[in-house]
Amino acid sequence: MQYARLRLLVAVSTPQLANEICSFFTDLGVTAITTVSAMYEAVDLMLEHEFSIFIVDGQLLYAIDQDRARIAGADLVRFIRMCRGPVSEVPVIFLRSLKQRQNLLEANAEIEEARQAGANYIMAQPVDFDALGQAVTKLFAEPGVFIREGAYIGPCRRQSDISVTINRRRKG
């Protein structure tokens, strides 16, 4: 894969996470990386530039304002999918919230929200950079089908060519 041609928009909530992601992709040869820490910044940049992949943090805020801190990670994914033109089909990797304690219901709700918003991949934090690299490679090697049906806009969720082996024992 030719990483040098990628144009990344990294929309994450912390400078540390932004630095880690930028370092990883810089080591792969990516030179066009833009980072933002709020949804409004990402939207402004999307109107001015073309990107080939978005990396969105589940804890991304609408704006950098401590008085009105509202999480916007899945909303940014939804916004990308609702845009007109090629930007709506740009791959999105969603990074799940990094919380010390998150119960199973909260985790499942976050994953389902990201899926319904149209994320291509959903990854846990802290980020496994080997898995991130594999995800990016797969997104461009096998782009998959893009769906616009009813309220859903995003990658097709159906899996194909899955082989299942079931060993059943007969009681005799």
C-alpha atoms as a PDB file:
ATOM      1  CA  MET A   1       0.000   0.000   0.000  1.00  0.00           C
ATOM      2  CA  GLN A   2       1.245   3.476  -0.804  1.00  0.00           C
ATOM      3  CA  TYR A   3       0.785   5.313   2.465  1.00  0.00           C
ATOM      4  CA  ALA A   4       2.464   8.445   1.080  1.00  0.00           C
ATOM      5  CA  ARG A   5      -0.679   9.244  -0.921  1.00  0.00           C
ATOM      6  CA  LEU A   6      -2.998   9.157   2.100  1.00  0.00           C
ATOM      7  CA  ARG A   7      -4.485  12.374   3.485  1.00  0.00           C
ATOM      8  CA  LEU A   8      -5.591  11.826   7.078  1.00  0.00           C
ATOM      9  CA  LEU A   9      -7.897  13.855   9.264  1.00  0.00           C
ATOM     10  CA  VAL A  10      -7.328  12.805  12.863  1.00  0.00           C
ATOM     11  CA  ALA A  11     -10.110  14.135  15.104  1.00  0.00           C
ATOM     12  CA  VAL A  12      -9.239  13.142  18.675  1.00  0.00           C
ATOM     13  CA  SER A  13      -9.820  14.508  22.141  1.00  0.00           C
ATOM     14  CA  THR A  14      -6.287  14.516  23.544  1.00  0.00           C
ATOM     15  CA  PRO A  15      -2.935  15.795  22.271  1.00  0.00           C
ATOM     16  CA  GLN A  16      -1.247  12.583  23.446  1.00  0.00           C
ATOM     17  CA  LEU A  17      -3.505  10.404  21.285  1.00  0.00           C
ATOM     18  CA  ALA A  18      -3.042  12.766  18.328  1.00  0.00           C
ATOM     19  CA  ASN A  19       0.755  12.562  18.708  1.00  0.00           C
ATOM     20  CA  GLU A  20       0.723   8.747  18.906  1.00  0.00           C
ATOM     21  CA  ILE A  21      -1.446   8.414  15.786  1.00  0.00           C
ATOM     22  CA  CYS A  22       0.603  10.988  13.863  1.00  0.00           C
ATOM     23  CA  SER A  23       3.872   9.264  14.805  1.00  0.00           C
ATOM     24  CA  PHE A  24       2.529   5.895  13.689  1.00  0.00           C
ATOM     25  CA  PHE A  25       1.393   7.140  10.286  1.00  0.00           C
ATOM     26  CA  THR A  26       4.484   9.304   9.787  1.00  0.00           C
ATOM     27  CA  ASP A  27       6.625   6.187  10.310  1.00  0.00           C
ATOM     28  CA  LEU A  28       4.574   4.501   7.547  1.00  0.00           C
ATOM     29  CA  GLY A  29       5.341   7.365   5.163  1.00  0.00           C
ATOM     30  CA  VAL A  30       2.168   9.453   5.424  1.00  0.00           C
ATOM     31  CA  THR A  31       3.010  13.148   5.099  1.00  0.00           C
ATOM     32  CA  ALA A  32      -0.450  14.742   4.909  1.00  0.00           C
ATOM     33  CA  ILE A  33      -1.869  14.454   8.437  1.00  0.00           C
ATOM     34  CA  THR A  34      -4.170  17.065   9.928  1.00  0.00           C
ATOM     35  CA  THR A  35      -5.240  16.891  13.566  1.00  0.00           C
ATOM     36  CA  VAL A  36      -8.157  18.594  15.283  1.00  0.00           C
ATOM     37  CA  SER A  37      -9.553  18.401  18.794  1.00  0.00           C
ATOM     38  CA  ALA A  38     -13.169  19.446  18.205  1.00  0.00           C
ATOM     39  CA  MET A  39     -15.944  18.615  15.751  1.00  0.00           C
ATOM     40  CA  TYR A  40     -16.364  22.155  14.455  1.00  0.00           C
ATOM     41  CA  GLU A  41     -12.673  22.210  13.425  1.00  0.00           C
ATOM     42  CA  ALA A  42     -13.086  18.935  11.535  1.00  0.00           C
ATOM     43  CA  VAL A  43     -16.166  20.205   9.704  1.00  0.00           C
ATOM     44  CA  ASP A  44     -14.385  23.424   8.680  1.00  0.00           C
ATOM     45  CA  LEU A  45     -11.434  21.435   7.293  1.00  0.00           C
ATOM     46  CA  MET A  46     -13.711  19.005   5.449  1.00  0.00           C
ATOM     47  CA  LEU A  47     -15.197  21.945   3.552  1.00  0.00           C
ATOM     48  CA  GLU A  48     -11.763  23.166   2.460  1.00  0.00           C
ATOM     49  CA  HIS A  49      -9.744  19.962   1.865  1.00  0.00           C
ATOM     50  CA  GLU A  50     -10.121  16.407   0.612  1.00  0.00           C
ATOM     51  CA  PHE A  51      -9.165  13.534   2.892  1.00  0.00           C
ATOM     52  CA  SER A  52      -8.717   9.845   2.150  1.00  0.00           C
ATOM     53  CA  ILE A  53      -9.394   8.592   5.696  1.00  0.00           C
ATOM     54  CA  PHE A  54     -10.865   9.897   8.934  1.00  0.00           C
ATOM     55  CA  ILE A  55      -9.863   8.731  12.403  1.00  0.00           C
ATOM     56  CA  VAL A  56     -12.449   9.833  14.951  1.00  0.00           C
ATOM     57  CA  ASP A  57     -12.239   9.568  18.735  1.00  0.00           C
ATOM     58  CA  GLY A  58     -15.412   8.597  20.584  1.00  0.00           C
ATOM     59  CA  GLN A  59     -14.652  11.319  23.149  1.00  0.00           C
ATOM     60  CA  LEU A  60     -14.284  14.128  20.581  1.00  0.00           C
ATOM     61  CA  LEU A  61     -16.065  17.297  21.705  1.00  0.00           C
ATOM     62  CA  TYR A  62     -18.258  19.623  19.645  1.00  0.00           C
ATOM     63  CA  ALA A  63     -16.198  22.613  20.727  1.00  0.00           C
ATOM     64  CA  ILE A  64     -13.350  23.333  23.084  1.00  0.00           C
ATOM     65  CA  ASP A  65     -15.495  24.864  25.801  1.00  0.00           C
ATOM     66  CA  GLN A  66     -15.411  23.352  29.265  1.00  0.00           C
ATOM     67  CA  ASP A  67     -18.776  24.891  30.183  1.00  0.00           C
ATOM     68  CA  ARG A  68     -20.556  23.100  27.354  1.00  0.00           C
ATOM     69  CA  ALA A  69     -18.584  19.887  26.926  1.00  0.00           C
ATOM     70  CA  ARG A  70     -20.667  17.570  24.763  1.00  0.00           C
ATOM     71  CA  ILE A  71     -19.313  14.448  23.135  1.00  0.00           C
ATOM     72  CA  ALA A  72     -19.541  14.443  19.336  1.00  0.00           C
ATOM     73  CA  GLY A  73     -17.513  11.492  18.020  1.00  0.00           C
ATOM     74  CA  ALA A  74     -20.422   9.522  16.538  1.00  0.00           C
ATOM     75  CA  ASP A  75     -22.079  12.761  15.401  1.00  0.00           C
ATOM     76  CA  LEU A  76     -19.015  13.610  13.308  1.00  0.00           C
ATOM     77  CA  VAL A  77     -19.193  10.179  11.662  1.00  0.00           C
ATOM     78  CA  ARG A  78     -22.911  10.739  10.990  1.00  0.00           C
ATOM     79  CA  PHE A  79     -22.144  14.184   9.530  1.00  0.00           C
ATOM     80  CA  ILE A  80     -19.493  12.745   7.199  1.00  0.00           C
ATOM     81  CA  ARG A  81     -21.960  10.152   5.907  1.00  0.00           C
ATOM     82  CA  MET A  82     -24.689  12.751   5.317  1.00  0.00           C
ATOM     83  CA  CYS A  83     -22.453  15.022   3.208  1.00  0.00           C
ATOM     84  CA  ARG A  84     -22.942  15.099  -0.530  1.00  0.00           C
ATOM     85  CA  GLY A  85     -20.202  13.964  -2.847  1.00  0.00           C
ATOM     86  CA  PRO A  86     -17.205  11.673  -2.440  1.00  0.00           C
ATOM     87  CA  VAL A  87     -16.464  12.799   1.141  1.00  0.00           C
ATOM     88  CA  SER A  88     -19.450  10.778   2.358  1.00  0.00           C
ATOM     89  CA  GLU A  89     -17.756   7.531   1.313  1.00  0.00           C
ATOM     90  CA  VAL A  90     -14.332   8.235   2.821  1.00  0.00           C
ATOM     91  CA  PRO A  91     -13.410   5.440   5.274  1.00  0.00           C
ATOM     92  CA  VAL A  92     -13.875   6.228   8.973  1.00  0.00           C
ATOM     93  CA  ILE A  93     -12.093   4.487  11.840  1.00  0.00           C
ATOM     94  CA  PHE A  94     -13.862   5.136  15.138  1.00  0.00           C
ATOM     95  CA  LEU A  95     -11.843   4.880  18.352  1.00  0.00           C
ATOM     96  CA  ARG A  96     -13.980   3.824  21.297  1.00  0.00           C
ATOM     97  CA  SER A  97     -13.919   5.909  24.441  1.00  0.00           C
ATOM     98  CA  LEU A  98     -11.091   5.335  26.845  1.00  0.00           C
ATOM     99  CA  LYS A  99     -12.779   5.055  30.211  1.00  0.00           C
ATOM    100  CA  GLN A 100     -11.418   3.495  33.337  1.00  0.00           C
ATOM    101  CA  ARG A 101     -14.742   1.864  34.083  1.00  0.00           C
ATOM    102  CA  GLN A 102     -17.280   1.241  31.356  1.00  0.00           C
ATOM    103  CA  ASN A 103     -19.939  -1.360  31.877  1.00  0.00           C
ATOM    104  CA  LEU A 104     -20.998  -3.758  29.150  1.00  0.00           C
ATOM    105  CA  LEU A 105     -24.200  -1.852  28.352  1.00  0.00           C
ATOM    106  CA  GLU A 106     -22.320   1.429  27.878  1.00  0.00           C
ATOM    107  CA  ALA A 107     -19.716  -0.266  25.672  1.00  0.00           C
ATOM    108  CA  ASN A 108     -22.357  -1.970  23.533  1.00  0.00           C
ATOM    109  CA  ALA A 109     -24.312   1.286  23.204  1.00  0.00           C
ATOM    110  CA  GLU A 110     -21.192   3.138  22.026  1.00  0.00           C
ATOM    111  CA  ILE A 111     -20.346   0.425  19.496  1.00  0.00           C
ATOM    112  CA  GLU A 112     -23.907   0.336  18.172  1.00  0.00           C
ATOM    113  CA  GLU A 113     -24.019   4.133  17.869  1.00  0.00           C
ATOM    114  CA  ALA A 114     -20.758   4.157  15.888  1.00  0.00           C
ATOM    115  CA  ARG A 115     -22.027   1.344  13.631  1.00  0.00           C
ATOM    116  CA  GLN A 116     -25.305   3.124  12.960  1.00  0.00           C
ATOM    117  CA  ALA A 117     -23.445   6.379  12.289  1.00  0.00           C
ATOM    118  CA  GLY A 118     -21.527   4.594   9.509  1.00  0.00           C
ATOM    119  CA  ALA A 119     -18.042   3.872  10.874  1.00  0.00           C
ATOM    120  CA  ASN A 120     -16.045   1.374   8.808  1.00  0.00           C
ATOM    121  CA  TYR A 121     -13.996   0.123  11.767  1.00  0.00           C
ATOM    122  CA  ILE A 122     -14.477   0.462  15.493  1.00  0.00           C
ATOM    123  CA  MET A 123     -11.362   0.045  17.603  1.00  0.00           C
ATOM    124  CA  ALA A 124     -10.763   0.098  21.346  1.00  0.00           C
ATOM    125  CA  GLN A 125      -8.408   2.430  23.153  1.00  0.00           C
ATOM    126  CA  PRO A 126      -5.579   2.305  23.974  1.00  0.00           C
ATOM    127  CA  VAL A 127      -4.944   1.895  20.254  1.00  0.00           C
ATOM    128  CA  ASP A 128      -3.342  -1.311  18.996  1.00  0.00           C
ATOM    129  CA  PHE A 129      -1.260   0.196  16.194  1.00  0.00           C
ATOM    130  CA  ASP A 130      -0.674  -3.140  14.449  1.00  0.00           C
ATOM    131  CA  ALA A 131      -4.459  -3.579  14.211  1.00  0.00           C
ATOM    132  CA  LEU A 132      -4.850   0.042  13.057  1.00  0.00           C
ATOM    133  CA  GLY A 133      -2.339  -0.513  10.252  1.00  0.00           C
ATOM    134  CA  GLN A 134      -4.107  -3.710   9.209  1.00  0.00           C
ATOM    135  CA  ALA A 135      -7.475  -1.915   9.216  1.00  0.00           C
ATOM    136  CA  VAL A 136      -6.198   0.890   6.996  1.00  0.00           C
ATOM    137  CA  THR A 137      -4.582  -1.573   4.586  1.00  0.00           C
ATOM    138  CA  LYS A 138      -7.793  -3.613   4.375  1.00  0.00           C
ATOM    139  CA  LEU A 139      -9.962  -0.518   3.847  1.00  0.00           C
ATOM    140  CA  PHE A 140      -8.043   0.350   0.697  1.00  0.00           C
ATOM    141  CA  ALA A 141      -7.319  -3.195  -0.527  1.00  0.00           C
ATOM    142  CA  GLU A 142     -10.956  -4.288  -0.130  1.00  0.00           C
ATOM    143  CA  PRO A 143     -13.113  -1.140  -0.095  1.00  0.00           C
ATOM    144  CA  GLY A 144     -16.412  -3.004   0.114  1.00  0.00           C
ATOM    145  CA  VAL A 145     -19.913  -1.861  -0.787  1.00  0.00           C
ATOM    146  CA  PHE A 146     -21.318   1.471   0.346  1.00  0.00           C
ATOM    147  CA  ILE A 147     -25.024   1.607   1.250  1.00  0.00           C
ATOM    148  CA  ARG A 148     -27.534   4.478   1.078  1.00  0.00           C
ATOM    149  CA  GLU A 149     -30.769   2.974   2.285  1.00  0.00           C
ATOM    150  CA  GLY A 150     -33.397   4.681   4.415  1.00  0.00           C
ATOM    151  CA  ALA A 151     -31.827   6.244   7.475  1.00  0.00           C
ATOM    152  CA  TYR A 152     -28.550   4.328   7.081  1.00  0.00           C
ATOM    153  CA  ILE A 153     -25.619   5.663   5.079  1.00  0.00           C
ATOM    154  CA  GLY A 154     -22.355   3.773   5.384  1.00  0.00           C
ATOM    155  CA  PRO A 155     -20.441   0.582   4.640  1.00  0.00           C
ATOM    156  CA  CYS A 156     -22.361  -2.625   4.073  1.00  0.00           C
ATOM    157  CA  ARG A 157     -22.508  -4.627   7.307  1.00  0.00           C
ATOM    158  CA  ARG A 158     -23.018  -7.991   5.656  1.00  0.00           C
ATOM    159  CA  GLN A 159     -20.110 -10.375   5.744  1.00  0.00           C
ATOM    160  CA  SER A 160     -19.390 -12.647   2.829  1.00  0.00           C
ATOM    161  CA  ASP A 161     -17.449 -15.842   2.346  1.00  0.00           C
ATOM    162  CA  ILE A 162     -17.441 -16.809   5.991  1.00  0.00           C
ATOM    163  CA  SER A 163     -16.729 -20.467   6.440  1.00  0.00           C
ATOM    164  CA  VAL A 164     -18.276 -22.047   9.474  1.00  0.00           C
ATOM    165  CA  THR A 165     -17.328 -25.448  10.754  1.00  0.00           C
ATOM    166  CA  ILE A 166     -19.559 -27.088  13.276  1.00  0.00           C
ATOM    167  CA  ASN A 167     -18.576 -30.361  14.846  1.00  0.00           C
ATOM    168  CA  ARG A 168     -21.591 -32.130  16.258  1.00  0.00           C
ATOM    169  CA  ARG A 169     -21.363 -35.192  18.327  1.00  0.00           C
ATOM    170  CA  ARG A 170     -24.059 -37.765  18.211  1.00  0.00           C
ATOM    171  CA  LYS A 171     -24.999 -39.420  21.384  1.00  0.00           C
ATOM    172  CA  GLY A 172     -25.106 -43.079  20.717  1.00  0.00           C
END
